[in-house]
Amino acid sequence: MYDPEEIRSERRGRIKIMRTLLSGIVMATLANAASAAETYKGYEMPPFEVVGRASGYELRAYEPHVLATVRIDGSLRSSASAGFRTLAGYIFGGNAAGQKIAMTVPVQQVPVEEGYEISFMMPGRYALEALPEPKSDDVRFERTEAARLAVSSFSGMPTNAVLRRHTAELRDALARDGLTVVGGPRYAYYDDPFTLPWRRRNEVAFVIAE
């Protein structure tokens, strides 16, 4: 005859094993998701967590990170090209140490008076004070504060008209949902110039009040 207590004990053991396996699967899934959120096509990104989603955008909580930034007067396209060249020169060895620094994404572009600020994130392994001195006086560094951003992603070529449209749509969506904008817009480009338009990842973002 079967011992009922033995059967119950065996069932409890199986349930415990299944729970352990499921816990491991969940933890692995979360770890993979976190890893995916930290890189894009193998390039390091600023650390953030998605904390909410709504129609037309998602809310991200960004952690502090270090930016290398240049300010360029001129149009959207010309400033992006000039800023990229200056910052690429720095990370490809144009610094006092002749040190190469890994490329990251995205390239960030922020409108300012009479031009734009173009920024690269510095890899997370570098403390601000450990970065080599740039040869160009135009390059400056800053450590950002933690911030909450509302971000809208889109493909295609990020022309002036396209950016204006997505910026207006995001601003309207935030007003609809009662969120207060305290900074922005910020534009972000994740792909190289040779990427086909429909494969590109672009973003427009506003800083949102906590």
Protein backbone atom coordinates (compact mmCIF):
# COMPACT_ATOMS: atom_id res chain seq x y z
CA MET A 1 0.00 0.00 0.00
CA TYR A 2 1.03 3.58 -0.59
CA ASP A 3 1.83 5.70 2.43
CA PRO A 4 -0.30 8.90 2.15
CA GLU A 5 2.25 10.89 4.13
CA GLU A 6 5.04 9.71 1.85
CA ILE A 7 3.01 10.71 -1.22
CA ARG A 8 2.34 14.17 0.24
CA SER A 9 6.03 14.57 1.09
CA GLU A 10 7.03 13.63 -2.46
CA ARG A 11 4.54 16.12 -3.89
CA ARG A 12 5.88 18.86 -1.65
CA GLY A 13 9.40 18.03 -2.85
CA ARG A 14 8.35 18.26 -6.49
CA ILE A 15 6.57 21.56 -5.90
CA LYS A 16 9.68 22.93 -4.19
CA ILE A 17 11.87 21.87 -7.13
CA MET A 18 9.45 23.47 -9.63
CA ARG A 19 9.39 26.69 -7.65
CA THR A 20 13.19 26.76 -7.58
CA LEU A 21 13.38 26.18 -11.34
CA LEU A 22 10.77 28.86 -12.05
CA SER A 23 12.57 31.29 -9.78
CA GLY A 24 15.79 30.64 -11.69
CA ILE A 25 14.06 31.19 -15.03
CA VAL A 26 12.54 34.47 -13.83
CA MET A 27 15.85 35.71 -12.47
CA ALA A 28 17.64 34.80 -15.70
CA THR A 29 14.97 36.57 -17.74
CA LEU A 30 15.29 39.69 -15.61
CA ALA A 31 19.07 39.58 -15.87
CA ASN A 32 18.87 39.26 -19.66
CA ALA A 33 16.41 42.16 -19.82
CA ALA A 34 18.68 44.31 -17.69
CA SER A 35 21.64 43.45 -19.90
CA ALA A 36 19.64 44.29 -23.03
CA ALA A 37 18.66 47.64 -21.53
CA GLU A 38 22.31 48.56 -20.94
CA THR A 39 23.56 48.02 -24.49
CA TYR A 40 22.43 48.63 -28.06
CA LYS A 41 24.07 46.56 -30.79
CA GLY A 42 26.91 45.92 -28.36
CA TYR A 43 27.45 49.58 -27.44
CA GLU A 44 27.06 50.76 -23.85
CA MET A 45 24.12 53.06 -23.10
CA PRO A 46 23.34 55.34 -20.17
CA PRO A 47 21.90 53.25 -17.32
CA PHE A 48 18.14 53.54 -16.95
CA GLU A 49 15.04 51.67 -15.84
CA VAL A 50 11.68 51.82 -17.59
CA VAL A 51 9.24 52.83 -14.85
CA GLY A 52 6.09 53.35 -16.89
CA ARG A 53 4.51 53.37 -20.33
CA ALA A 54 1.70 55.41 -21.86
CA SER A 55 0.33 56.04 -25.32
CA GLY A 56 3.17 57.55 -27.36
CA TYR A 57 6.02 57.36 -24.85
CA GLU A 58 7.69 55.56 -21.97
CA LEU A 59 8.99 56.89 -18.67
CA ARG A 60 12.62 56.13 -17.81
CA ALA A 61 14.52 56.72 -14.59
CA TYR A 62 18.12 57.50 -15.60
CA GLU A 63 21.05 57.04 -13.26
CA PRO A 64 23.87 59.61 -13.10
CA HIS A 65 26.51 59.23 -15.82
CA VAL A 66 29.37 61.23 -17.32
CA LEU A 67 29.00 63.13 -20.59
CA ALA A 68 31.60 64.63 -22.91
CA THR A 69 29.95 67.63 -24.56
CA VAL A 70 30.71 70.25 -27.19
CA ARG A 71 28.64 73.29 -28.11
CA ILE A 72 28.30 74.03 -31.82
CA ASP A 73 26.61 77.02 -33.44
CA GLY A 74 24.70 76.23 -36.59
CA SER A 75 21.93 74.11 -38.04
CA LEU A 76 20.69 70.74 -36.79
CA ARG A 77 22.63 68.74 -39.38
CA SER A 78 25.83 70.79 -39.45
CA SER A 79 26.13 70.97 -35.67
CA ALA A 80 25.55 67.23 -35.31
CA SER A 81 28.31 66.47 -37.83
CA ALA A 82 30.79 68.95 -36.38
CA GLY A 83 30.09 67.89 -32.80
CA PHE A 84 30.41 64.23 -33.65
CA ARG A 85 33.79 64.79 -35.34
CA THR A 86 35.16 66.67 -32.32
CA LEU A 87 33.98 64.08 -29.79
CA ALA A 88 35.05 61.16 -31.98
CA GLY A 89 38.50 62.73 -32.24
CA TYR A 90 38.70 62.78 -28.44
CA ILE A 91 37.70 59.13 -27.89
CA PHE A 92 39.83 57.87 -30.80
CA GLY A 93 43.00 59.17 -29.15
CA GLY A 94 42.81 62.94 -29.46
CA ASN A 95 43.62 63.44 -25.80
CA ALA A 96 46.69 64.10 -23.66
CA ALA A 97 47.19 60.39 -22.97
CA GLY A 98 46.65 59.29 -26.58
CA GLN A 99 44.13 56.88 -25.07
CA LYS A 100 41.30 55.28 -27.02
CA ILE A 101 37.93 55.24 -25.30
CA ALA A 102 35.10 52.91 -26.31
CA MET A 103 32.26 54.35 -28.37
CA THR A 104 28.86 54.47 -26.67
CA VAL A 105 25.31 55.29 -27.76
CA PRO A 106 23.35 57.40 -28.25
CA VAL A 107 24.76 60.59 -29.67
CA GLN A 108 22.73 63.23 -27.86
CA GLN A 109 21.78 66.60 -29.34
CA VAL A 110 20.17 69.34 -27.26
CA PRO A 111 19.00 72.68 -28.72
CA VAL A 112 20.59 75.74 -27.07
CA GLU A 113 20.69 79.39 -28.04
CA GLU A 114 22.02 79.76 -31.61
CA GLY A 115 23.06 76.13 -31.86
CA TYR A 116 23.21 72.73 -30.19
CA GLU A 117 25.12 70.79 -27.56
CA ILE A 118 26.33 67.41 -28.78
CA SER A 119 27.24 64.74 -26.20
CA PHE A 120 28.73 61.27 -25.91
CA MET A 121 28.34 59.28 -22.72
CA MET A 122 31.70 58.19 -21.31
CA PRO A 123 31.89 54.45 -20.52
CA GLY A 124 30.73 53.66 -17.00
CA ARG A 125 34.12 52.36 -15.91
CA TYR A 126 35.56 55.89 -16.07
CA ALA A 127 35.23 58.23 -13.11
CA LEU A 128 35.00 61.87 -14.11
CA GLU A 129 38.44 62.69 -12.71
CA ALA A 130 40.02 59.68 -14.47
CA LEU A 131 39.21 60.81 -18.01
CA PRO A 132 42.24 61.94 -20.04
CA GLU A 133 42.58 65.63 -20.81
CA PRO A 134 41.14 66.52 -24.25
CA LYS A 135 43.36 68.24 -26.79
CA SER A 136 40.43 70.35 -27.91
CA ASP A 137 39.36 73.15 -25.59
CA ASP A 138 35.82 72.71 -26.91
CA VAL A 139 35.31 69.39 -25.10
CA ARG A 140 33.98 69.62 -21.55
CA PHE A 141 32.80 66.98 -19.09
CA GLU A 142 29.87 66.83 -16.71
CA ARG A 143 28.32 64.25 -14.43
CA THR A 144 24.56 64.24 -14.87
CA GLU A 145 22.08 64.00 -12.02
CA ALA A 146 19.52 61.22 -11.76
CA ALA A 147 16.50 62.22 -13.85
CA ARG A 148 13.14 60.98 -15.03
CA LEU A 149 12.58 61.31 -18.78
CA ALA A 150 9.59 60.79 -21.01
CA VAL A 151 10.94 59.26 -24.22
CA SER A 152 9.39 58.71 -27.64
CA SER A 153 11.24 56.41 -30.06
CA PHE A 154 10.91 56.44 -33.85
CA SER A 155 12.70 55.28 -36.99
CA GLY A 156 13.57 57.14 -40.18
CA MET A 157 15.83 60.06 -40.92
CA PRO A 158 15.83 62.61 -38.07
CA THR A 159 15.32 65.72 -40.18
CA ASN A 160 14.22 69.05 -38.73
CA ALA A 161 10.64 68.44 -39.80
CA VAL A 162 10.56 64.92 -38.34
CA LEU A 163 12.04 66.04 -35.02
CA ARG A 164 9.62 68.96 -34.77
CA ARG A 165 6.66 66.64 -35.38
CA HIS A 166 7.72 64.05 -32.81
CA THR A 167 8.61 66.76 -30.30
CA ALA A 168 5.16 68.33 -30.64
CA GLU A 169 3.42 64.95 -30.39
CA LEU A 170 5.33 64.05 -27.24
CA ARG A 171 4.69 67.44 -25.65
CA ASP A 172 0.94 67.06 -26.38
CA ALA A 173 0.91 63.54 -24.91
CA LEU A 174 2.57 64.73 -21.70
CA ALA A 175 0.10 67.62 -21.38
CA ARG A 176 -2.75 65.16 -21.93
CA ASP A 177 -1.46 62.99 -19.07
CA GLY A 178 -0.84 65.91 -16.73
CA LEU A 179 2.96 65.55 -16.57
CA THR A 180 5.12 68.62 -15.98
CA VAL A 181 8.04 69.22 -18.35
CA VAL A 182 11.12 70.72 -16.67
CA GLY A 183 13.73 70.26 -19.42
CA GLY A 184 14.26 69.39 -23.05
CA PRO A 185 13.74 68.50 -25.73
CA ARG A 186 16.68 66.14 -26.05
CA TYR A 187 17.34 64.23 -29.25
CA ALA A 188 19.17 60.89 -29.36
CA TYR A 189 20.57 58.97 -32.35
CA TYR A 190 21.65 55.35 -31.96
CA ASP A 191 22.86 54.26 -35.39
CA ASP A 192 25.66 55.08 -37.77
CA PRO A 193 24.99 57.18 -40.89
CA PHE A 194 25.00 54.09 -43.15
CA THR A 195 22.05 52.45 -41.37
CA LEU A 196 18.94 52.22 -43.53
CA PRO A 197 16.27 54.72 -42.43
CA TRP A 198 13.70 52.13 -41.34
CA ARG A 199 16.33 50.39 -39.20
CA ARG A 200 17.34 53.54 -37.36
CA ARG A 201 16.53 54.21 -33.74
CA ASN A 202 15.95 57.84 -32.84
CA GLU A 203 14.44 59.36 -29.72
CA VAL A 204 13.05 62.64 -28.46
CA ALA A 205 12.81 63.15 -24.70
CA PHE A 206 11.69 65.65 -22.08
CA VAL A 207 12.79 65.79 -18.46
CA ILE A 208 9.74 65.29 -16.24
CA ALA A 209 9.15 66.64 -12.74
CA GLU A 210 9.26 63.94 -10.07
